[in-house]
Amino acid sequence: MRRERTRSLAAAVAALALAVSASAAPSGGETDARSFVQSTIDQVLAILRNGQMPLEQKKTEVESIAYQRFDFELISRLVLARNWDKFSAQQKSDFIDAFKKHLSSTYRDTLNNFKDETIEIVSSRPEQNGDVTVMTLVKGATGDTKVDYRLRKSDSGWRGIDVIIEGVSLVQNFRSQAQEIVSAEGPDGLIQKLRNKQIKSPKA
């Protein structure tokens, strides 16, 4: 009887260990998402560490990678939320264009301060709608910064749909500002403020 109980206990512990291991290991989707982020990190750091490349060229090439790897139309929809339907087709197109240029200008400027930081993927988790959030740590001489990327898979592969810097979501940050501006000044007022860089972006 004691042996049977011991075997049962051992089997239960083994089953629990397997279950914990399975839950801790990234799923196939998470693994693909992490690979997507890692390849993006590798491309960007290779450009930034190229001592032969002028700074402006580095900024342009990093910007090109961002345009390829983020779904700016979907990000724009998420930012505008219920206000999306208030925009005409032309205003939607103008907003997406202004939003891309505003973000590009903001984050291009941060490259001036690049000091050979390293970026490490530390974890990932599945989200609603089949999304995956990949958590990274930017390690620099002045300290570490948590930067998380929320990804969604489309017919063309994984694309970034949000960036969360030290707990501050880019989408939520812009959404709160956009709702206030659209209510007061309408779609054209929001587009103009983006063009004039009158909207704040979360910074790493």
Protein backbone atom coordinates (compact mmCIF):
# COMPACT_ATOMS: atom_id res chain seq x y z
CA MET A 1 0.00 0.00 0.00
CA ARG A 2 2.80 2.42 0.91
CA ARG A 3 4.56 1.69 -2.40
CA GLU A 4 1.36 2.39 -4.34
CA ARG A 5 0.90 5.68 -2.50
CA THR A 6 4.51 6.60 -3.18
CA ARG A 7 4.10 5.79 -6.87
CA SER A 8 0.87 7.81 -7.02
CA LEU A 9 2.57 10.76 -5.34
CA ALA A 10 5.54 10.50 -7.70
CA ALA A 11 3.21 10.37 -10.71
CA ALA A 12 1.29 13.40 -9.45
CA VAL A 13 4.51 15.39 -8.92
CA ALA A 14 5.76 14.41 -12.37
CA ALA A 15 2.45 15.44 -13.96
CA LEU A 16 2.55 18.78 -12.13
CA ALA A 17 6.15 19.37 -13.24
CA LEU A 18 5.19 18.71 -16.85
CA ALA A 19 2.20 21.01 -16.61
CA VAL A 20 4.30 23.83 -15.13
CA SER A 21 6.98 23.30 -17.75
CA ALA A 22 4.43 23.42 -20.55
CA SER A 23 2.85 26.61 -19.23
CA ALA A 24 6.24 28.31 -18.78
CA ALA A 25 7.53 27.45 -22.23
CA PRO A 26 6.54 29.83 -25.06
CA SER A 27 3.89 28.53 -27.42
CA GLY A 28 4.56 28.25 -31.14
CA GLY A 29 3.03 31.70 -31.72
CA GLU A 30 5.06 33.22 -28.91
CA THR A 31 8.24 31.67 -30.26
CA ASP A 32 7.57 33.14 -33.70
CA ALA A 33 6.78 36.53 -32.19
CA ARG A 34 9.97 36.49 -30.14
CA SER A 35 11.98 35.56 -33.24
CA PHE A 36 10.37 38.47 -35.08
CA VAL A 37 11.38 40.90 -32.32
CA GLN A 38 14.88 39.41 -32.05
CA SER A 39 15.51 39.74 -35.79
CA THR A 40 14.30 43.35 -35.65
CA ILE A 41 16.60 44.09 -32.71
CA ASP A 42 19.54 42.50 -34.53
CA GLN A 43 18.90 44.58 -37.67
CA VAL A 44 18.55 47.84 -35.77
CA LEU A 45 21.62 47.31 -33.57
CA ALA A 46 23.72 46.32 -36.59
CA ILE A 47 22.86 49.68 -38.16
CA LEU A 48 23.43 51.70 -34.99
CA ARG A 49 26.80 50.05 -34.34
CA ASN A 50 28.06 50.62 -37.87
CA GLY A 51 30.87 53.11 -37.31
CA GLN A 52 31.17 53.82 -41.04
CA MET A 53 27.54 54.93 -41.47
CA PRO A 54 26.60 58.62 -41.00
CA LEU A 55 24.02 59.31 -38.28
CA GLU A 56 21.36 60.58 -40.69
CA GLN A 57 21.66 57.43 -42.79
CA LYS A 58 21.31 55.34 -39.66
CA LYS A 59 18.12 57.19 -38.76
CA THR A 60 16.71 56.68 -42.25
CA GLU A 61 17.46 52.96 -42.26
CA VAL A 62 16.02 52.41 -38.78
CA GLU A 63 12.92 54.34 -39.84
CA SER A 64 12.56 52.08 -42.87
CA ILE A 65 12.64 49.00 -40.62
CA ALA A 66 9.96 50.52 -38.37
CA TYR A 67 7.72 51.23 -41.37
CA GLN A 68 8.04 47.60 -42.47
CA ARG A 69 7.52 46.03 -39.07
CA PHE A 70 4.75 48.12 -37.50
CA ASP A 71 1.14 48.17 -38.70
CA PHE A 72 0.56 51.92 -38.65
CA GLU A 73 -2.96 51.68 -40.05
CA LEU A 74 -4.05 49.35 -37.26
CA ILE A 75 -2.20 51.44 -34.66
CA SER A 76 -4.07 54.49 -35.99
CA ARG A 77 -7.39 52.67 -35.62
CA LEU A 78 -6.52 51.68 -32.06
CA VAL A 79 -5.47 55.23 -31.21
CA LEU A 80 -8.62 56.82 -32.61
CA ALA A 81 -10.88 54.05 -31.25
CA ARG A 82 -14.52 55.20 -31.54
CA ASN A 83 -13.39 58.40 -33.30
CA TRP A 84 -12.16 56.41 -36.31
CA ASP A 85 -15.63 56.48 -37.91
CA LYS A 86 -15.78 60.26 -37.56
CA PHE A 87 -12.91 60.62 -40.03
CA SER A 88 -13.49 60.73 -43.78
CA ALA A 89 -11.43 58.44 -46.01
CA GLN A 90 -9.08 61.35 -46.78
CA GLN A 91 -8.80 62.33 -43.11
CA LYS A 92 -7.96 58.73 -42.18
CA SER A 93 -5.22 58.66 -44.80
CA ASP A 94 -3.91 62.06 -43.64
CA PHE A 95 -3.96 60.97 -39.99
CA ILE A 96 -2.01 57.75 -40.67
CA ASP A 97 0.57 59.69 -42.66
CA ALA A 98 0.91 62.44 -40.03
CA PHE A 99 1.04 59.87 -37.22
CA LYS A 100 3.84 57.90 -38.90
CA LYS A 101 5.86 61.06 -39.51
CA HIS A 102 5.29 62.33 -35.95
CA LEU A 103 6.49 59.07 -34.40
CA SER A 104 9.36 58.83 -36.84
CA SER A 105 10.54 62.34 -36.02
CA THR A 106 10.25 61.72 -32.27
CA TYR A 107 12.15 58.44 -32.22
CA ARG A 108 14.71 59.47 -34.84
CA ASP A 109 15.83 62.13 -32.36
CA THR A 110 16.39 59.51 -29.62
CA LEU A 111 19.06 57.86 -31.79
CA ASN A 112 21.28 60.88 -31.14
CA ASN A 113 21.77 59.50 -27.63
CA PHE A 114 22.60 55.91 -28.57
CA LYS A 115 25.58 54.78 -26.46
CA ASP A 116 26.04 51.14 -27.47
CA GLU A 117 23.14 49.88 -25.37
CA THR A 118 22.17 46.23 -25.52
CA ILE A 119 18.61 44.89 -25.82
CA GLU A 120 17.57 41.58 -24.29
CA ILE A 121 14.30 39.69 -24.68
CA VAL A 122 13.29 38.66 -21.17
CA SER A 123 9.83 37.14 -21.58
CA SER A 124 6.61 36.96 -23.58
CA ARG A 125 2.93 36.31 -22.98
CA PRO A 126 -0.14 35.58 -25.10
CA GLU A 127 -2.86 38.24 -25.28
CA GLN A 128 -6.42 38.50 -26.57
CA ASN A 129 -7.07 38.33 -30.33
CA GLY A 130 -4.08 36.02 -30.76
CA ASP A 131 -1.69 38.88 -29.95
CA VAL A 132 1.63 38.34 -28.21
CA THR A 133 3.50 40.79 -26.00
CA VAL A 134 7.28 40.43 -26.06
CA MET A 135 9.07 42.04 -23.12
CA THR A 136 12.57 43.44 -23.59
CA LEU A 137 15.12 45.21 -21.44
CA VAL A 138 17.26 47.98 -22.87
CA LYS A 139 20.50 47.96 -20.88
CA GLY A 140 22.52 51.15 -20.84
CA ALA A 141 25.22 52.84 -18.82
CA THR A 142 22.68 55.00 -16.99
CA GLY A 143 20.27 52.16 -16.19
CA ASP A 144 17.81 49.72 -17.69
CA THR A 145 14.52 50.49 -19.45
CA LYS A 146 11.63 48.09 -19.89
CA VAL A 147 10.21 48.16 -23.41
CA ASP A 148 7.40 45.78 -24.37
CA TYR A 149 6.11 45.16 -27.89
CA ARG A 150 2.57 44.00 -28.57
CA LEU A 151 2.38 42.09 -31.85
CA ARG A 152 -0.45 40.83 -34.01
CA LYS A 153 -0.17 38.35 -36.86
CA SER A 154 -1.65 39.24 -40.24
CA ASP A 155 -1.50 37.65 -43.68
CA SER A 156 1.90 39.32 -44.14
CA GLY A 157 3.27 38.04 -40.81
CA TRP A 158 3.81 39.55 -37.37
CA ARG A 159 3.57 43.33 -37.00
CA GLY A 160 3.96 45.64 -34.02
CA ILE A 161 0.73 47.29 -32.87
CA ASP A 162 1.84 48.92 -29.61
CA VAL A 163 4.97 49.82 -27.66
CA ILE A 164 4.86 50.00 -23.86
CA ILE A 165 7.76 51.92 -22.32
CA GLU A 166 8.10 51.48 -18.56
CA GLY A 167 4.42 50.62 -18.37
CA VAL A 168 3.24 53.52 -20.56
CA SER A 169 1.42 52.35 -23.69
CA LEU A 170 2.01 54.37 -26.85
CA VAL A 171 -1.53 53.59 -28.04
CA GLN A 172 -3.20 54.57 -24.76
CA ASN A 173 -1.03 57.67 -24.44
CA PHE A 174 -2.04 58.92 -27.88
CA ARG A 175 -5.67 57.80 -27.49
CA SER A 176 -6.27 59.98 -24.43
CA GLN A 177 -4.80 63.00 -26.21
CA ALA A 178 -6.60 62.27 -29.48
CA GLN A 179 -10.03 61.98 -27.86
CA GLU A 180 -9.65 65.36 -26.18
CA ILE A 181 -8.44 67.10 -29.34
CA VAL A 182 -11.07 65.55 -31.64
CA SER A 183 -13.83 66.57 -29.22
CA ALA A 184 -12.58 70.16 -29.16
CA GLU A 185 -11.18 70.69 -32.65
CA GLY A 186 -12.36 67.81 -34.83
CA PRO A 187 -10.31 65.45 -37.02
CA ASP A 188 -8.50 68.22 -38.90
CA GLY A 189 -7.40 69.82 -35.64
CA LEU A 190 -5.83 66.54 -34.50
CA ILE A 191 -4.06 66.02 -37.83
CA GLN A 192 -2.67 69.56 -37.73
CA LYS A 193 -1.38 69.17 -34.17
CA LEU A 194 0.42 65.98 -35.20
CA ARG A 195 2.01 67.80 -38.11
CA ASN A 196 3.05 70.64 -35.81
CA LYS A 197 4.46 68.17 -33.23
CA GLN A 198 2.09 69.47 -30.54
CA ILE A 199 1.33 65.98 -29.20
CA LYS A 200 3.63 64.28 -26.71
CA SER A 201 5.05 60.80 -27.26
CA PRO A 202 6.18 58.44 -24.51
CA LYS A 203 9.96 58.22 -24.55
CA ALA A 204 12.40 55.52 -23.56
